[in-house]
C-alpha atoms as a PDB file:
ATOM      1  CA  MET A   1     123.776 226.054 126.014  1.00  0.00           C
ATOM      2  CA  PRO A   2     123.282 226.994 122.349  1.00  0.00           C
ATOM      3  CA  LEU A   3     123.758 230.619 121.392  1.00  0.00           C
ATOM      4  CA  ASP A   4     121.083 230.544 118.717  1.00  0.00           C
ATOM      5  CA  ASN A   5     117.465 229.459 118.464  1.00  0.00           C
ATOM      6  CA  PHE A   6     117.578 227.571 115.178  1.00  0.00           C
ATOM      7  CA  GLU A   7     116.208 224.313 116.596  1.00  0.00           C
ATOM      8  CA  GLU A   8     112.718 225.164 115.321  1.00  0.00           C
ATOM      9  CA  TYR A   9     114.108 225.154 111.792  1.00  0.00           C
ATOM     10  CA  ASP A  10     116.047 221.873 111.984  1.00  0.00           C
ATOM     11  CA  ASP A  11     113.144 219.870 110.534  1.00  0.00           C
ATOM     12  CA  PRO A  12     111.903 221.733 107.449  1.00  0.00           C
ATOM     13  CA  VAL A  13     109.023 219.298 106.850  1.00  0.00           C
ATOM     14  CA  LEU A  14     107.693 219.823 110.383  1.00  0.00           C
ATOM     15  CA  TYR A  15     108.245 223.586 110.113  1.00  0.00           C
ATOM     16  CA  ASP A  16     106.202 223.720 106.898  1.00  0.00           C
ATOM     17  CA  LYS A  17     103.402 221.619 108.409  1.00  0.00           C
ATOM     18  CA  GLU A  18     103.218 223.954 111.400  1.00  0.00           C
ATOM     19  CA  ASN A  19     103.337 227.133 109.321  1.00  0.00           C
ATOM     20  CA  GLU A  20     101.774 226.254 105.955  1.00  0.00           C
ATOM     21  CA  SER A  21      98.584 228.181 106.615  1.00  0.00           C
ATOM     22  CA  TYR A  22     100.390 231.262 107.910  1.00  0.00           C
ATOM     23  CA  ILE A  23     100.799 233.430 104.836  1.00  0.00           C
ATOM     24  CA  PRO A  24      98.679 236.518 105.597  1.00  0.00           C
ATOM     25  CA  GLU A  25     101.353 238.783 104.125  1.00  0.00           C
ATOM     26  CA  LEU A  26     101.267 237.060 100.709  1.00  0.00           C
ATOM     27  CA  PRO A  27      98.548 239.329  99.201  1.00  0.00           C
ATOM     28  CA  PHE A  28     100.521 242.404 100.312  1.00  0.00           C
ATOM     29  CA  LEU A  29     103.757 241.019  98.837  1.00  0.00           C
ATOM     30  CA  LEU A  30     102.051 240.100  95.557  1.00  0.00           C
ATOM     31  CA  LYS A  31     100.681 243.630  95.260  1.00  0.00           C
ATOM     32  CA  TRP A  32     104.106 245.102  96.065  1.00  0.00           C
ATOM     33  CA  ALA A  33     105.880 242.749  93.647  1.00  0.00           C
ATOM     34  CA  SER A  34     103.564 243.770  90.803  1.00  0.00           C
ATOM     35  CA  LYS A  35     105.023 247.281  91.043  1.00  0.00           C
ATOM     36  CA  LYS A  36     108.669 246.172  90.959  1.00  0.00           C
ATOM     37  CA  ARG A  37     110.994 245.133  88.167  1.00  0.00           C
ATOM     38  CA  GLY A  38     113.914 242.750  88.293  1.00  0.00           C
ATOM     39  CA  THR A  39     114.855 240.112  90.806  1.00  0.00           C
ATOM     40  CA  ILE A  40     113.293 240.107  94.263  1.00  0.00           C
ATOM     41  CA  VAL A  41     115.660 239.059  97.045  1.00  0.00           C
ATOM     42  CA  ASP A  42     113.865 237.203  99.843  1.00  0.00           C
ATOM     43  CA  LEU A  43     116.064 237.491 102.925  1.00  0.00           C
ATOM     44  CA  ALA A  44     115.488 234.815 105.576  1.00  0.00           C
ATOM     45  CA  CYS A  45     113.465 232.827 103.030  1.00  0.00           C
ATOM     46  CA  GLY A  46     113.540 229.633 105.081  1.00  0.00           C
ATOM     47  CA  THR A  47     111.757 226.816 103.302  1.00  0.00           C
ATOM     48  CA  GLY A  48     110.254 229.178 100.748  1.00  0.00           C
ATOM     49  CA  ARG A  49     106.892 229.702 102.453  1.00  0.00           C
ATOM     50  CA  LEU A  50     106.526 233.011 100.574  1.00  0.00           C
ATOM     51  CA  THR A  51     109.296 232.671  97.985  1.00  0.00           C
ATOM     52  CA  ILE A  52     107.622 229.751  96.222  1.00  0.00           C
ATOM     53  CA  PRO A  53     104.167 231.366  95.850  1.00  0.00           C
ATOM     54  CA  LEU A  54     105.792 234.549  94.525  1.00  0.00           C
ATOM     55  CA  ALA A  55     107.812 232.529  91.997  1.00  0.00           C
ATOM     56  CA  LYS A  56     104.690 230.599  90.963  1.00  0.00           C
ATOM     57  CA  ASN A  57     103.115 233.967  90.200  1.00  0.00           C
ATOM     58  CA  GLY A  58     105.893 234.658  87.709  1.00  0.00           C
ATOM     59  CA  TYR A  59     108.301 236.776  89.735  1.00  0.00           C
ATOM     60  CA  LYS A  60     112.042 236.186  89.575  1.00  0.00           C
ATOM     61  CA  LEU A  61     113.399 235.561  93.075  1.00  0.00           C
ATOM     62  CA  MET A  62     116.588 234.849  94.924  1.00  0.00           C
ATOM     63  CA  GLY A  63     116.162 233.263  98.353  1.00  0.00           C
ATOM     64  CA  VAL A  64     118.827 233.791 101.017  1.00  0.00           C
ATOM     65  CA  ASP A  65     118.830 232.154 104.435  1.00  0.00           C
ATOM     66  CA  LEU A  66     121.323 231.815 107.268  1.00  0.00           C
ATOM     67  CA  HIS A  67     120.196 228.331 108.292  1.00  0.00           C
ATOM     68  CA  LYS A  68     122.237 225.609 106.616  1.00  0.00           C
ATOM     69  CA  GLY A  69     119.203 223.366 106.088  1.00  0.00           C
ATOM     70  CA  SER A  70     119.053 219.629 106.452  1.00  0.00           C
END
Protein backbone atom coordinates (compact mmCIF):
# COMPACT_ATOMS: atom_id res chain seq x y z
CA MET A 1 0.00 0.00 0.00
CA PRO A 2 1.55 3.32 -1.06
CA LEU A 3 2.17 5.90 1.63
CA ASP A 4 1.45 8.84 -0.65
CA ASN A 5 -1.31 9.88 -3.02
CA PHE A 6 0.76 11.04 -5.97
CA GLU A 7 -0.88 8.72 -8.50
CA GLU A 8 -3.13 11.55 -9.71
CA TYR A 9 -0.02 13.44 -10.76
CA ASP A 10 1.75 10.60 -12.59
CA ASP A 11 0.32 11.66 -15.97
CA PRO A 12 0.85 15.41 -16.31
CA VAL A 13 -1.00 15.61 -19.65
CA LEU A 14 -4.10 13.98 -18.15
CA TYR A 15 -3.81 16.13 -15.01
CA ASP A 16 -3.73 19.31 -17.12
CA LYS A 17 -6.71 18.18 -19.21
CA GLU A 18 -8.72 17.52 -16.06
CA ASN A 19 -7.73 20.77 -14.37
CA GLU A 20 -7.08 23.27 -17.18
CA SER A 21 -10.24 25.24 -16.54
CA TYR A 22 -9.73 25.38 -12.78
CA ILE A 23 -7.86 28.62 -12.24
CA PRO A 24 -10.30 30.76 -10.20
CA GLU A 25 -7.45 32.00 -8.01
CA LEU A 26 -5.49 33.43 -10.96
CA PRO A 27 -7.09 36.93 -10.83
CA PHE A 28 -6.33 37.13 -7.09
CA LEU A 29 -2.71 36.02 -7.64
CA LEU A 30 -2.23 38.49 -10.50
CA LYS A 31 -3.49 41.32 -8.30
CA TRP A 32 -1.23 40.19 -5.44
CA ALA A 33 1.78 39.79 -7.75
CA SER A 34 1.36 43.34 -9.07
CA LYS A 35 2.14 44.61 -5.57
CA LYS A 36 5.29 42.52 -5.11
CA ARG A 37 8.86 42.91 -6.31
CA GLY A 38 11.40 40.24 -7.07
CA THR A 39 11.00 36.55 -7.73
CA ILE A 40 7.79 34.77 -6.79
CA VAL A 41 8.29 31.23 -5.49
CA ASP A 42 5.41 28.93 -6.43
CA LEU A 43 5.49 26.03 -3.98
CA ALA A 44 3.76 22.85 -5.19
CA CYS A 45 3.67 24.32 -8.70
CA GLY A 46 2.86 20.99 -10.34
CA THR A 47 2.61 21.34 -14.10
CA GLY A 48 2.59 25.12 -13.90
CA ARG A 49 -1.19 25.62 -14.00
CA LEU A 50 -0.72 29.01 -12.29
CA THR A 51 3.04 29.49 -12.67
CA ILE A 52 2.87 29.72 -16.46
CA PRO A 53 0.09 32.34 -16.63
CA LEU A 54 1.90 34.45 -14.03
CA ALA A 55 5.15 34.22 -16.02
CA LYS A 56 3.30 35.11 -19.24
CA ASN A 57 2.14 38.25 -17.45
CA GLY A 58 5.76 39.25 -16.94
CA TYR A 59 6.45 38.07 -13.41
CA LYS A 60 9.69 36.30 -12.53
CA LEU A 61 8.92 32.92 -10.96
CA MET A 62 10.59 29.89 -9.49
CA GLY A 63 8.46 26.74 -9.41
CA VAL A 64 9.14 24.08 -6.78
CA ASP A 65 7.39 20.73 -6.58
CA LEU A 66 7.90 17.51 -4.64
CA HIS A 67 6.69 15.23 -7.43
CA LYS A 68 9.54 13.99 -9.60
CA GLY A 69 7.51 14.31 -12.81
CA SER A 70 7.49 11.94 -15.73
